[in-house]
Amino acid sequence: MTDVHSGSHHSAQALSEHGHMDMAEHMKTWKSFTRLVRWGIIANVVLLVFLAIFRTHG
C-alpha cells in the first residue's frame, strides 16, 4: 500500500511557495467569481419576476 504523503504528487506544490500568492491571478479569479454571482442573482430575480407576472392558475 502506498503512502499518500509520499511520491510525485508534490510536483504541483513545487509551482508555488508556501505563504506566497499571485495577487494578479487572485484578483482576476475574484472578479470573475463576483461577476458570475452577480449575473446569477440577476437571472434569479428576472425569473422570479417572470413567474410572478405570468404564473398560471390551473
PDB file of N, CA and C in Angstrom:
ATOM      1  N   MET A   1       0.844  -1.169   0.000  1.00  0.00           N
ATOM      2  CA  MET A   1       0.000   0.000   0.000  1.00  0.00           C
ATOM      3  C   MET A   1       0.892   1.237   0.000  1.00  0.00           C
ATOM      4  N   THR A   2       0.540   2.233  -0.805  1.00  0.00           N
ATOM      5  CA  THR A   2       1.375   3.422  -0.908  1.00  0.00           C
ATOM      6  C   THR A   2       0.928   4.475   0.093  1.00  0.00           C
ATOM      7  N   ASP A   3       1.864   5.237   0.529  1.00  0.00           N
ATOM      8  CA  ASP A   3       1.591   6.336   1.450  1.00  0.00           C
ATOM      9  C   ASP A   3       1.165   7.546   0.629  1.00  0.00           C
ATOM     10  N   VAL A   4       0.039   8.153   0.977  1.00  0.00           N
ATOM     11  CA  VAL A   4      -0.468   9.291   0.201  1.00  0.00           C
ATOM     12  C   VAL A   4       0.383  10.538   0.393  1.00  0.00           C
ATOM     13  N   HIS A   5       1.269  10.529   1.387  1.00  0.00           N
ATOM     14  CA  HIS A   5       2.106  11.697   1.647  1.00  0.00           C
ATOM     15  C   HIS A   5       3.475  11.592   0.998  1.00  0.00           C
ATOM     16  N   SER A   6       3.695  10.558   0.239  1.00  0.00           N
ATOM     17  CA  SER A   6       4.971  10.424  -0.452  1.00  0.00           C
ATOM     18  C   SER A   6       4.707  10.211  -1.928  1.00  0.00           C
ATOM     19  N   GLY A   7       5.705  10.448  -2.703  1.00  0.00           N
ATOM     20  CA  GLY A   7       5.561  10.225  -4.129  1.00  0.00           C
ATOM     21  C   GLY A   7       5.727  11.514  -4.909  1.00  0.00           C
ATOM     22  N   SER A   8       5.260  11.506  -6.141  1.00  0.00           N
ATOM     23  CA  SER A   8       5.485  12.643  -7.027  1.00  0.00           C
ATOM     24  C   SER A   8       4.342  13.643  -7.005  1.00  0.00           C
ATOM     25  N   HIS A   9       3.377  13.492  -6.094  1.00  0.00           N
ATOM     26  CA  HIS A   9       2.265  14.430  -6.063  1.00  0.00           C
ATOM     27  C   HIS A   9       2.690  15.808  -5.580  1.00  0.00           C
ATOM     28  N   HIS A  10       3.924  15.944  -5.110  1.00  0.00           N
ATOM     29  CA  HIS A  10       4.428  17.236  -4.660  1.00  0.00           C
ATOM     30  C   HIS A  10       4.831  18.130  -5.823  1.00  0.00           C
ATOM     31  N   SER A  11       4.788  17.626  -7.044  1.00  0.00           N
ATOM     32  CA  SER A  11       5.189  18.438  -8.189  1.00  0.00           C
ATOM     33  C   SER A  11       4.279  19.637  -8.373  1.00  0.00           C
ATOM     34  N   ALA A  12       3.005  19.519  -8.041  1.00  0.00           N
ATOM     35  CA  ALA A  12       2.098  20.662  -8.138  1.00  0.00           C
ATOM     36  C   ALA A  12       2.442  21.703  -7.087  1.00  0.00           C
ATOM     37  N   GLN A  13       2.907  21.273  -5.935  1.00  0.00           N
ATOM     38  CA  GLN A  13       3.288  22.212  -4.891  1.00  0.00           C
ATOM     39  C   GLN A  13       4.577  22.934  -5.233  1.00  0.00           C
ATOM     40  N   ALA A  14       5.377  22.355  -6.078  1.00  0.00           N
ATOM     41  CA  ALA A  14       6.632  22.987  -6.461  1.00  0.00           C
ATOM     42  C   ALA A  14       6.397  24.249  -7.268  1.00  0.00           C
ATOM     43  N   LEU A  15       5.217  24.400  -7.842  1.00  0.00           N
ATOM     44  CA  LEU A  15       4.915  25.577  -8.632  1.00  0.00           C
ATOM     45  C   LEU A  15       4.635  26.806  -7.773  1.00  0.00           C
ATOM     46  N   SER A  16       4.352  26.629  -6.515  1.00  0.00           N
ATOM     47  CA  SER A  16       4.086  27.758  -5.638  1.00  0.00           C
ATOM     48  C   SER A  16       4.773  27.545  -4.300  1.00  0.00           C
ATOM     49  N   GLU A  17       5.099  28.639  -3.670  1.00  0.00           N
ATOM     50  CA  GLU A  17       5.735  28.564  -2.370  1.00  0.00           C
ATOM     51  C   GLU A  17       4.679  28.727  -1.295  1.00  0.00           C
ATOM     52  N   HIS A  18       4.922  28.110  -0.160  1.00  0.00           N
ATOM     53  CA  HIS A  18       4.005  28.250   0.973  1.00  0.00           C
ATOM     54  C   HIS A  18       3.994  29.705   1.437  1.00  0.00           C
ATOM     55  N   GLY A  19       2.795  30.264   1.575  1.00  0.00           N
ATOM     56  CA  GLY A  19       2.681  31.647   2.014  1.00  0.00           C
ATOM     57  C   GLY A  19       2.810  32.662   0.896  1.00  0.00           C
ATOM     58  N   HIS A  20       2.925  32.219  -0.333  1.00  0.00           N
ATOM     59  CA  HIS A  20       3.070  33.131  -1.465  1.00  0.00           C
ATOM     60  C   HIS A  20       1.840  33.008  -2.357  1.00  0.00           C
ATOM     61  N   MET A  21       1.319  34.143  -2.801  1.00  0.00           N
ATOM     62  CA  MET A  21       0.136  34.126  -3.655  1.00  0.00           C
ATOM     63  C   MET A  21       0.340  35.104  -4.801  1.00  0.00           C
ATOM     64  N   ASP A  22      -0.043  34.675  -5.988  1.00  0.00           N
ATOM     65  CA  ASP A  22      -0.011  35.555  -7.152  1.00  0.00           C
ATOM     66  C   ASP A  22      -1.243  36.452  -7.076  1.00  0.00           C
ATOM     67  N   MET A  23      -1.057  37.672  -6.619  1.00  0.00           N
ATOM     68  CA  MET A  23      -2.193  38.562  -6.385  1.00  0.00           C
ATOM     69  C   MET A  23      -2.915  38.944  -7.676  1.00  0.00           C
ATOM     70  N   ALA A  24      -2.209  39.046  -8.769  1.00  0.00           N
ATOM     71  CA  ALA A  24      -2.868  39.372 -10.036  1.00  0.00           C
ATOM     72  C   ALA A  24      -3.832  38.250 -10.427  1.00  0.00           C
ATOM     73  N   GLU A  25      -3.384  37.009 -10.296  1.00  0.00           N
ATOM     74  CA  GLU A  25      -4.248  35.865 -10.612  1.00  0.00           C
ATOM     75  C   GLU A  25      -5.398  35.769  -9.614  1.00  0.00           C
ATOM     76  N   HIS A  26      -5.109  36.055  -8.361  1.00  0.00           N
ATOM     77  CA  HIS A  26      -6.142  36.026  -7.322  1.00  0.00           C
ATOM     78  C   HIS A  26      -7.229  37.055  -7.611  1.00  0.00           C
ATOM     79  N   MET A  27      -6.850  38.266  -7.961  1.00  0.00           N
ATOM     80  CA  MET A  27      -7.830  39.317  -8.244  1.00  0.00           C
ATOM     81  C   MET A  27      -8.627  39.003  -9.513  1.00  0.00           C
ATOM     82  N   LYS A  28      -7.983  38.415 -10.494  1.00  0.00           N
ATOM     83  CA  LYS A  28      -8.684  38.019 -11.718  1.00  0.00           C
ATOM     84  C   LYS A  28      -9.750  36.967 -11.397  1.00  0.00           C
ATOM     85  N   THR A  29      -9.388  35.991 -10.579  1.00  0.00           N
ATOM     86  CA  THR A  29     -10.336  34.954 -10.176  1.00  0.00           C
ATOM     87  C   THR A  29     -11.470  35.546  -9.353  1.00  0.00           C
ATOM     88  N   TRP A  30     -11.141  36.446  -8.415  1.00  0.00           N
ATOM     89  CA  TRP A  30     -12.152  37.069  -7.568  1.00  0.00           C
ATOM     90  C   TRP A  30     -13.140  37.882  -8.397  1.00  0.00           C
ATOM     91  N   LYS A  31     -12.646  38.649  -9.366  1.00  0.00           N
ATOM     92  CA  LYS A  31     -13.534  39.443 -10.223  1.00  0.00           C
ATOM     93  C   LYS A  31     -14.435  38.545 -11.063  1.00  0.00           C
ATOM     94  N   SER A  32     -13.895  37.445 -11.560  1.00  0.00           N
ATOM     95  CA  SER A  32     -14.721  36.506 -12.331  1.00  0.00           C
ATOM     96  C   SER A  32     -15.792  35.873 -11.452  1.00  0.00           C
ATOM     97  N   PHE A  33     -15.422  35.521 -10.230  1.00  0.00           N
ATOM     98  CA  PHE A  33     -16.370  34.922  -9.303  1.00  0.00           C
ATOM     99  C   PHE A  33     -17.491  35.900  -8.953  1.00  0.00           C
ATOM    100  N   THR A  34     -17.145  37.138  -8.631  1.00  0.00           N
ATOM    101  CA  THR A  34     -18.182  38.110  -8.267  1.00  0.00           C
ATOM    102  C   THR A  34     -19.066  38.449  -9.460  1.00  0.00           C
ATOM    103  N   ARG A  35     -18.507  38.465 -10.653  1.00  0.00           N
ATOM    104  CA  ARG A  35     -19.307  38.710 -11.860  1.00  0.00           C
ATOM    105  C   ARG A  35     -20.302  37.563 -12.067  1.00  0.00           C
ATOM    106  N   LEU A  36     -19.852  36.332 -11.866  1.00  0.00           N
ATOM    107  CA  LEU A  36     -20.728  35.176 -12.007  1.00  0.00           C
ATOM    108  C   LEU A  36     -21.849  35.210 -10.972  1.00  0.00           C
ATOM    109  N   VAL A  37     -21.525  35.531  -9.732  1.00  0.00           N
ATOM    110  CA  VAL A  37     -22.538  35.608  -8.680  1.00  0.00           C
ATOM    111  C   VAL A  37     -23.537  36.721  -8.993  1.00  0.00           C
ATOM    112  N   ARG A  38     -23.045  37.865  -9.421  1.00  0.00           N
ATOM    113  CA  ARG A  38     -23.929  38.986  -9.749  1.00  0.00           C
ATOM    114  C   ARG A  38     -24.920  38.596 -10.837  1.00  0.00           C
ATOM    115  N   TRP A  39     -24.431  37.980 -11.917  1.00  0.00           N
ATOM    116  CA  TRP A  39     -25.331  37.596 -13.004  1.00  0.00           C
ATOM    117  C   TRP A  39     -26.269  36.468 -12.595  1.00  0.00           C
ATOM    118  N   GLY A  40     -25.829  35.612 -11.698  1.00  0.00           N
ATOM    119  CA  GLY A  40     -26.715  34.570 -11.175  1.00  0.00           C
ATOM    120  C   GLY A  40     -27.868  35.160 -10.376  1.00  0.00           C
ATOM    121  N   ILE A  41     -27.562  36.159  -9.567  1.00  0.00           N
ATOM    122  CA  ILE A  41     -28.612  36.829  -8.792  1.00  0.00           C
ATOM    123  C   ILE A  41     -29.576  37.564  -9.717  1.00  0.00           C
ATOM    124  N   ILE A  42     -29.042  38.254 -10.695  1.00  0.00           N
ATOM    125  CA  ILE A  42     -29.897  38.972 -11.652  1.00  0.00           C
ATOM    126  C   ILE A  42     -30.801  37.996 -12.393  1.00  0.00           C
ATOM    127  N   ALA A  43     -30.256  36.873 -12.828  1.00  0.00           N
ATOM    128  CA  ALA A  43     -31.061  35.873 -13.547  1.00  0.00           C
ATOM    129  C   ALA A  43     -32.165  35.321 -12.648  1.00  0.00           C
ATOM    130  N   ASN A  44     -31.871  35.085 -11.383  1.00  0.00           N
ATOM    131  CA  ASN A  44     -32.894  34.587 -10.465  1.00  0.00           C
ATOM    132  C   ASN A  44     -33.982  35.621 -10.218  1.00  0.00           C
ATOM    133  N   VAL A  45     -33.616  36.884 -10.083  1.00  0.00           N
ATOM    134  CA  VAL A  45     -34.613  37.936  -9.885  1.00  0.00           C
ATOM    135  C   VAL A  45     -35.506  38.055 -11.114  1.00  0.00           C
ATOM    136  N   VAL A  46     -34.907  38.015 -12.289  1.00  0.00           N
ATOM    137  CA  VAL A  46     -35.699  38.086 -13.522  1.00  0.00           C
ATOM    138  C   VAL A  46     -36.648  36.888 -13.607  1.00  0.00           C
ATOM    139  N   LEU A  47     -36.166  35.713 -13.274  1.00  0.00           N
ATOM    140  CA  LEU A  47     -37.018  34.529 -13.288  1.00  0.00           C
ATOM    141  C   LEU A  47     -38.175  34.669 -12.300  1.00  0.00           C
ATOM    142  N   LEU A  48     -37.906  35.153 -11.096  1.00  0.00           N
ATOM    143  CA  LEU A  48     -38.968  35.327 -10.108  1.00  0.00           C
ATOM    144  C   LEU A  48     -39.996  36.357 -10.555  1.00  0.00           C
ATOM    145  N   VAL A  49     -39.541  37.453 -11.154  1.00  0.00           N
ATOM    146  CA  VAL A  49     -40.475  38.453 -11.668  1.00  0.00           C
ATOM    147  C   VAL A  49     -41.307  37.858 -12.793  1.00  0.00           C
ATOM    148  N   PHE A  50     -40.673  37.131 -13.692  1.00  0.00           N
ATOM    149  CA  PHE A  50     -41.385  36.478 -14.793  1.00  0.00           C
ATOM    150  C   PHE A  50     -42.454  35.533 -14.248  1.00  0.00           C
ATOM    151  N   LEU A  51     -42.096  34.725 -13.257  1.00  0.00           N
ATOM    152  CA  LEU A  51     -43.062  33.786 -12.691  1.00  0.00           C
ATOM    153  C   LEU A  51     -44.176  34.510 -11.964  1.00  0.00           C
ATOM    154  N   ALA A  52     -43.876  35.606 -11.312  1.00  0.00           N
ATOM    155  CA  ALA A  52     -44.907  36.361 -10.589  1.00  0.00           C
ATOM    156  C   ALA A  52     -45.894  37.005 -11.554  1.00  0.00           C
ATOM    157  N   ILE A  53     -45.413  37.436 -12.706  1.00  0.00           N
ATOM    158  CA  ILE A  53     -46.290  38.099 -13.676  1.00  0.00           C
ATOM    159  C   ILE A  53     -47.087  37.077 -14.484  1.00  0.00           C
ATOM    160  N   PHE A  54     -46.442  36.027 -14.941  1.00  0.00           N
ATOM    161  CA  PHE A  54     -47.069  35.117 -15.907  1.00  0.00           C
ATOM    162  C   PHE A  54     -47.471  33.765 -15.310  1.00  0.00           C
ATOM    163  N   ARG A  55     -47.579  33.669 -14.024  1.00  0.00           N
ATOM    164  CA  ARG A  55     -47.966  32.387 -13.447  1.00  0.00           C
ATOM    165  C   ARG A  55     -49.403  32.045 -13.857  1.00  0.00           C
ATOM    166  N   THR A  56     -49.669  30.795 -13.984  1.00  0.00           N
ATOM    167  CA  THR A  56     -50.995  30.355 -14.387  1.00  0.00           C
ATOM    168  C   THR A  56     -51.743  29.814 -13.168  1.00  0.00           C
ATOM    169  N   HIS A  57     -53.037  29.950 -13.211  1.00  0.00           N
ATOM    170  CA  HIS A  57     -53.887  29.478 -12.111  1.00  0.00           C
ATOM    171  C   HIS A  57     -54.721  28.311 -12.612  1.00  0.00           C
ATOM    172  N   GLY A  58     -54.077  27.160 -12.736  1.00  0.00           N
ATOM    173  CA  GLY A  58     -54.661  25.885 -13.068  1.00  0.00           C
ATOM    174  C   GLY A  58     -55.800  25.938 -13.979  1.00  0.00           C
TER     175      GLY A  58
END
